[in-house]
Amino acid sequence: MNELIGLIIITVGVVFDFFGVLGLLRLPDVYNRLQAATKCITLGTCGIMLGTFVMNGFTGLGIKALIAIPFIFFTAATGSHALARGAHKFGIKLWHKSVCDKYREKVTTDKGNK
């Protein structure tokens, strides 16, 4: 029974990873692609790790998979934020159909307050 539940969780993780890769290929600019990549890693890869833990239980492999989940969860979000901020500071433009740029608005209001 654990194998079936683990396999279902792994399959859901692989589906999230597939859609994340599809987003990397199809989305128009670096900021949207970072969004897809971050969702892909946090939901997909953490799902695969959780499924591995369910299938293997409290063995060496299962515990390592369980320990890796919070590290992946926090480092993916932090890394994505750092890449997006660096790209914005470097001057990489948003997609021409983007509606607003909240980061630019915050930076200009912060400079005006000083």
N, C-alpha and C. Protein backbone atom coordinates (compact mmCIF):
# COMPACT_ATOMS: atom_id res chain seq x y z
N MET A 1 0.81 -1.20 0.00
CA MET A 1 0.00 0.00 0.00
C MET A 1 0.86 1.26 0.00
N ASN A 2 1.96 1.25 0.77
CA ASN A 2 2.86 2.41 0.80
C ASN A 2 3.48 2.66 -0.57
N GLU A 3 3.76 1.58 -1.29
CA GLU A 3 4.34 1.75 -2.63
C GLU A 3 3.38 2.45 -3.56
N LEU A 4 2.10 2.11 -3.49
CA LEU A 4 1.09 2.74 -4.35
C LEU A 4 0.92 4.21 -4.01
N ILE A 5 0.82 4.54 -2.73
CA ILE A 5 0.68 5.94 -2.31
C ILE A 5 1.94 6.73 -2.69
N GLY A 6 3.11 6.15 -2.45
CA GLY A 6 4.35 6.81 -2.83
C GLY A 6 4.46 7.03 -4.32
N LEU A 7 4.02 6.05 -5.10
CA LEU A 7 4.06 6.18 -6.55
C LEU A 7 3.11 7.27 -7.03
N ILE A 8 1.96 7.40 -6.41
CA ILE A 8 1.01 8.46 -6.78
C ILE A 8 1.61 9.83 -6.46
N ILE A 9 2.22 9.97 -5.28
CA ILE A 9 2.84 11.25 -4.91
C ILE A 9 4.00 11.58 -5.84
N ILE A 10 4.80 10.59 -6.19
CA ILE A 10 5.90 10.82 -7.14
C ILE A 10 5.37 11.22 -8.50
N THR A 11 4.28 10.60 -8.94
CA THR A 11 3.70 10.95 -10.24
C THR A 11 3.20 12.39 -10.24
N VAL A 12 2.57 12.81 -9.16
CA VAL A 12 2.13 14.21 -9.06
C VAL A 12 3.34 15.15 -9.10
N GLY A 13 4.42 14.78 -8.43
CA GLY A 13 5.64 15.58 -8.47
C GLY A 13 6.24 15.67 -9.86
N VAL A 14 6.23 14.56 -10.58
CA VAL A 14 6.76 14.57 -11.95
C VAL A 14 5.89 15.43 -12.85
N VAL A 15 4.58 15.41 -12.64
CA VAL A 15 3.68 16.25 -13.44
C VAL A 15 3.98 17.73 -13.17
N PHE A 16 4.17 18.11 -11.90
CA PHE A 16 4.54 19.49 -11.60
C PHE A 16 5.87 19.85 -12.24
N ASP A 17 6.85 18.96 -12.19
CA ASP A 17 8.13 19.21 -12.85
C ASP A 17 7.97 19.38 -14.35
N PHE A 18 7.11 18.56 -14.96
CA PHE A 18 6.87 18.67 -16.40
C PHE A 18 6.28 20.03 -16.75
N PHE A 19 5.28 20.47 -15.99
CA PHE A 19 4.68 21.77 -16.28
C PHE A 19 5.64 22.92 -15.98
N GLY A 20 6.53 22.74 -15.03
CA GLY A 20 7.55 23.75 -14.79
C GLY A 20 8.52 23.87 -15.95
N VAL A 21 8.92 22.75 -16.51
CA VAL A 21 9.80 22.77 -17.69
C VAL A 21 9.07 23.37 -18.88
N LEU A 22 7.81 23.04 -19.03
CA LEU A 22 7.00 23.63 -20.10
C LEU A 22 6.92 25.14 -19.93
N GLY A 23 6.78 25.60 -18.69
CA GLY A 23 6.77 27.03 -18.41
C GLY A 23 8.10 27.69 -18.75
N LEU A 24 9.20 27.00 -18.47
CA LEU A 24 10.51 27.55 -18.83
C LEU A 24 10.65 27.73 -20.33
N LEU A 25 10.04 26.86 -21.09
CA LEU A 25 10.14 26.95 -22.54
C LEU A 25 9.15 27.96 -23.14
N ARG A 26 7.98 28.10 -22.54
CA ARG A 26 6.92 28.87 -23.16
C ARG A 26 6.75 30.30 -22.65
N LEU A 27 7.15 30.59 -21.43
CA LEU A 27 6.89 31.91 -20.86
C LEU A 27 7.84 32.95 -21.46
N PRO A 28 7.39 34.23 -21.52
CA PRO A 28 8.08 35.22 -22.35
C PRO A 28 9.34 35.85 -21.77
N ASP A 29 9.43 36.06 -20.46
CA ASP A 29 10.60 36.77 -19.95
C ASP A 29 11.20 36.04 -18.75
N VAL A 30 12.33 36.54 -18.30
CA VAL A 30 13.09 35.87 -17.25
C VAL A 30 12.31 35.81 -15.93
N TYR A 31 11.51 36.80 -15.67
CA TYR A 31 10.78 36.84 -14.39
C TYR A 31 9.67 35.79 -14.36
N ASN A 32 8.95 35.66 -15.45
CA ASN A 32 7.93 34.60 -15.53
C ASN A 32 8.56 33.22 -15.51
N ARG A 33 9.69 33.08 -16.16
CA ARG A 33 10.39 31.79 -16.17
C ARG A 33 10.89 31.41 -14.78
N LEU A 34 11.36 32.40 -14.03
CA LEU A 34 11.78 32.13 -12.65
C LEU A 34 10.60 31.68 -11.81
N GLN A 35 9.43 32.26 -12.05
CA GLN A 35 8.23 31.84 -11.32
C GLN A 35 7.92 30.38 -11.61
N ALA A 36 7.98 30.01 -12.88
CA ALA A 36 7.71 28.61 -13.26
C ALA A 36 8.75 27.67 -12.67
N ALA A 37 10.00 28.08 -12.71
CA ALA A 37 11.07 27.21 -12.19
C ALA A 37 10.94 27.03 -10.68
N THR A 38 10.59 28.08 -9.97
CA THR A 38 10.45 27.97 -8.52
C THR A 38 9.29 27.07 -8.14
N LYS A 39 8.16 27.22 -8.80
CA LYS A 39 7.02 26.34 -8.52
C LYS A 39 7.35 24.90 -8.87
N CYS A 40 8.07 24.73 -9.96
CA CYS A 40 8.47 23.38 -10.39
C CYS A 40 9.33 22.72 -9.32
N ILE A 41 10.28 23.45 -8.80
CA ILE A 41 11.19 22.86 -7.82
C ILE A 41 10.48 22.60 -6.50
N THR A 42 9.75 23.60 -6.00
CA THR A 42 9.16 23.43 -4.68
C THR A 42 8.07 22.38 -4.67
N LEU A 43 7.19 22.41 -5.64
CA LEU A 43 6.09 21.45 -5.64
C LEU A 43 6.50 20.11 -6.25
N GLY A 44 7.18 20.15 -7.36
CA GLY A 44 7.54 18.91 -8.06
C GLY A 44 8.60 18.10 -7.35
N THR A 45 9.73 18.71 -7.10
CA THR A 45 10.84 17.98 -6.50
C THR A 45 10.55 17.60 -5.05
N CYS A 46 9.90 18.49 -4.32
CA CYS A 46 9.52 18.13 -2.94
C CYS A 46 8.48 17.01 -2.95
N GLY A 47 7.61 16.98 -3.95
CA GLY A 47 6.66 15.87 -4.07
C GLY A 47 7.36 14.55 -4.35
N ILE A 48 8.36 14.60 -5.19
CA ILE A 48 9.13 13.39 -5.49
C ILE A 48 9.86 12.91 -4.23
N MET A 49 10.43 13.84 -3.49
CA MET A 49 11.11 13.46 -2.24
C MET A 49 10.14 12.89 -1.22
N LEU A 50 8.95 13.49 -1.11
CA LEU A 50 7.96 12.98 -0.18
C LEU A 50 7.49 11.59 -0.58
N GLY A 51 7.29 11.37 -1.88
CA GLY A 51 6.92 10.04 -2.36
C GLY A 51 8.00 9.01 -2.10
N THR A 52 9.25 9.43 -2.22
CA THR A 52 10.37 8.53 -1.91
C THR A 52 10.37 8.16 -0.44
N PHE A 53 10.07 9.14 0.42
CA PHE A 53 9.99 8.84 1.84
C PHE A 53 8.84 7.88 2.15
N VAL A 54 7.69 8.10 1.52
CA VAL A 54 6.55 7.22 1.77
C VAL A 54 6.86 5.80 1.32
N MET A 55 7.53 5.66 0.20
CA MET A 55 7.84 4.32 -0.32
C MET A 55 8.89 3.61 0.52
N ASN A 56 9.89 4.34 1.01
CA ASN A 56 11.01 3.71 1.70
C ASN A 56 10.91 3.75 3.22
N GLY A 57 10.06 4.61 3.76
CA GLY A 57 9.90 4.69 5.20
C GLY A 57 11.11 5.29 5.88
N PHE A 58 11.34 4.88 7.12
CA PHE A 58 12.43 5.44 7.92
C PHE A 58 13.73 4.67 7.70
N THR A 59 14.09 4.51 6.43
CA THR A 59 15.40 3.97 6.10
C THR A 59 16.35 5.14 5.85
N GLY A 60 17.57 4.83 5.50
CA GLY A 60 18.53 5.89 5.20
C GLY A 60 18.06 6.78 4.06
N LEU A 61 17.57 6.17 3.00
CA LEU A 61 17.11 6.93 1.84
C LEU A 61 15.88 7.76 2.18
N GLY A 62 14.95 7.19 2.91
CA GLY A 62 13.73 7.91 3.26
C GLY A 62 13.99 9.11 4.15
N ILE A 63 14.87 8.95 5.12
CA ILE A 63 15.18 10.06 6.03
C ILE A 63 15.92 11.16 5.28
N LYS A 64 16.83 10.80 4.39
CA LYS A 64 17.54 11.81 3.60
C LYS A 64 16.58 12.58 2.71
N ALA A 65 15.61 11.88 2.12
CA ALA A 65 14.61 12.56 1.30
C ALA A 65 13.76 13.50 2.13
N LEU A 66 13.40 13.09 3.33
CA LEU A 66 12.60 13.92 4.22
C LEU A 66 13.38 15.15 4.68
N ILE A 67 14.65 14.98 4.96
CA ILE A 67 15.48 16.10 5.39
C ILE A 67 15.71 17.09 4.24
N ALA A 68 15.76 16.60 3.00
CA ALA A 68 16.03 17.47 1.85
C ALA A 68 14.85 18.39 1.53
N ILE A 69 13.65 18.01 1.91
CA ILE A 69 12.46 18.80 1.55
C ILE A 69 12.54 20.24 2.07
N PRO A 70 12.79 20.49 3.36
CA PRO A 70 12.85 21.90 3.80
C PRO A 70 14.00 22.68 3.18
N PHE A 71 15.13 22.01 2.95
CA PHE A 71 16.26 22.70 2.31
C PHE A 71 15.89 23.14 0.89
N ILE A 72 15.27 22.26 0.14
CA ILE A 72 14.85 22.62 -1.22
C ILE A 72 13.80 23.71 -1.17
N PHE A 73 12.87 23.59 -0.25
CA PHE A 73 11.77 24.55 -0.15
C PHE A 73 12.28 25.97 0.09
N PHE A 74 13.20 26.14 1.04
CA PHE A 74 13.67 27.49 1.38
C PHE A 74 14.72 28.00 0.40
N THR A 75 15.63 27.15 -0.06
CA THR A 75 16.68 27.63 -0.95
C THR A 75 16.16 27.95 -2.34
N ALA A 76 15.13 27.26 -2.81
CA ALA A 76 14.58 27.57 -4.13
C ALA A 76 13.94 28.95 -4.15
N ALA A 77 13.19 29.26 -3.12
CA ALA A 77 12.55 30.58 -3.05
C ALA A 77 13.58 31.70 -2.89
N THR A 78 14.58 31.47 -2.04
CA THR A 78 15.60 32.48 -1.82
C THR A 78 16.45 32.69 -3.08
N GLY A 79 16.82 31.61 -3.73
CA GLY A 79 17.61 31.72 -4.96
C GLY A 79 16.84 32.40 -6.08
N SER A 80 15.58 32.09 -6.20
CA SER A 80 14.75 32.71 -7.23
C SER A 80 14.61 34.21 -6.98
N HIS A 81 14.42 34.58 -5.73
CA HIS A 81 14.33 36.00 -5.39
C HIS A 81 15.63 36.73 -5.72
N ALA A 82 16.75 36.12 -5.38
CA ALA A 82 18.05 36.75 -5.65
C ALA A 82 18.28 36.90 -7.15
N LEU A 83 17.93 35.89 -7.93
CA LEU A 83 18.09 35.99 -9.38
C LEU A 83 17.19 37.05 -9.99
N ALA A 84 15.94 37.13 -9.53
CA ALA A 84 15.02 38.14 -10.05
C ALA A 84 15.47 39.55 -9.69
N ARG A 85 15.92 39.72 -8.47
CA ARG A 85 16.39 41.04 -8.05
C ARG A 85 17.64 41.45 -8.81
N GLY A 86 18.55 40.49 -9.00
CA GLY A 86 19.75 40.79 -9.78
C GLY A 86 19.44 41.12 -11.22
N ALA A 87 18.50 40.39 -11.81
CA ALA A 87 18.11 40.67 -13.19
C ALA A 87 17.47 42.05 -13.29
N HIS A 88 16.67 42.42 -12.31
CA HIS A 88 16.02 43.73 -12.33
C HIS A 88 17.04 44.84 -12.17
N LYS A 89 17.99 44.66 -11.24
CA LYS A 89 19.02 45.68 -11.05
C LYS A 89 19.96 45.78 -12.25
N PHE A 90 20.15 44.68 -12.95
CA PHE A 90 21.01 44.68 -14.14
C PHE A 90 20.32 45.37 -15.31
N GLY A 91 19.01 45.52 -15.24
CA GLY A 91 18.28 46.25 -16.27
C GLY A 91 17.56 45.38 -17.28
N ILE A 92 17.35 44.13 -16.96
CA ILE A 92 16.61 43.26 -17.88
C ILE A 92 15.16 43.67 -17.84
N LYS A 93 14.60 43.99 -19.00
CA LYS A 93 13.26 44.53 -19.10
C LYS A 93 12.21 43.45 -18.89
N LEU A 94 11.05 43.90 -18.40
CA LEU A 94 9.89 43.04 -18.32
C LEU A 94 9.34 42.80 -19.72
N TRP A 95 8.48 41.81 -19.84
CA TRP A 95 7.80 41.55 -21.08
C TRP A 95 6.95 42.77 -21.43
N HIS A 96 6.83 43.10 -22.71
CA HIS A 96 6.16 44.34 -23.11
C HIS A 96 4.68 44.37 -22.73
N LYS A 97 4.06 43.22 -22.47
CA LYS A 97 2.66 43.20 -22.06
C LYS A 97 2.49 43.11 -20.54
N SER A 98 3.56 43.25 -19.80
CA SER A 98 3.46 43.24 -18.33
C SER A 98 2.69 44.47 -17.88
N VAL A 99 1.88 44.30 -16.87
CA VAL A 99 0.98 45.36 -16.43
C VAL A 99 1.68 46.36 -15.52
N CYS A 100 2.42 45.88 -14.52
CA CYS A 100 3.06 46.80 -13.59
C CYS A 100 4.39 46.22 -13.10
N ASP A 101 5.17 47.10 -12.52
CA ASP A 101 6.47 46.72 -11.96
C ASP A 101 6.53 47.22 -10.52
N LYS A 102 6.07 46.41 -9.60
CA LYS A 102 5.99 46.81 -8.19
C LYS A 102 7.37 47.07 -7.59
N TYR A 103 8.37 46.32 -8.04
CA TYR A 103 9.71 46.53 -7.47
C TYR A 103 10.25 47.91 -7.85
N ARG A 104 10.06 48.32 -9.08
CA ARG A 104 10.52 49.64 -9.51
C ARG A 104 9.77 50.73 -8.75
N GLU A 105 8.47 50.54 -8.51
CA GLU A 105 7.70 51.52 -7.75
C GLU A 105 8.23 51.63 -6.33
N LYS A 106 8.58 50.51 -5.72
CA LYS A 106 9.08 50.52 -4.34
C LYS A 106 10.46 51.20 -4.28
N VAL A 107 11.31 50.92 -5.25
CA VAL A 107 12.65 51.49 -5.25
C VAL A 107 12.58 53.01 -5.44
N THR A 108 11.70 53.48 -6.32
CA THR A 108 11.61 54.92 -6.56
C THR A 108 10.99 55.64 -5.36
N THR A 109 10.02 55.02 -4.68
CA THR A 109 9.45 55.67 -3.49
C THR A 109 10.45 55.65 -2.32
N ASP A 110 11.25 54.58 -2.20
CA ASP A 110 12.26 54.53 -1.15
C ASP A 110 13.34 55.58 -1.37
N LYS A 111 13.71 55.82 -2.62
CA LYS A 111 14.71 56.85 -2.91
C LYS A 111 14.16 58.24 -2.65
N GLY A 112 12.87 58.42 -2.90
CA GLY A 112 12.25 59.73 -2.66
C GLY A 112 12.10 60.05 -1.18
N ASN A 113 12.02 59.04 -0.35
CA ASN A 113 11.86 59.26 1.10
C ASN A 113 13.17 59.59 1.80
N LYS A 114 14.29 59.34 1.16
CA LYS A 114 15.59 59.55 1.83
C LYS A 114 16.07 60.96 1.68
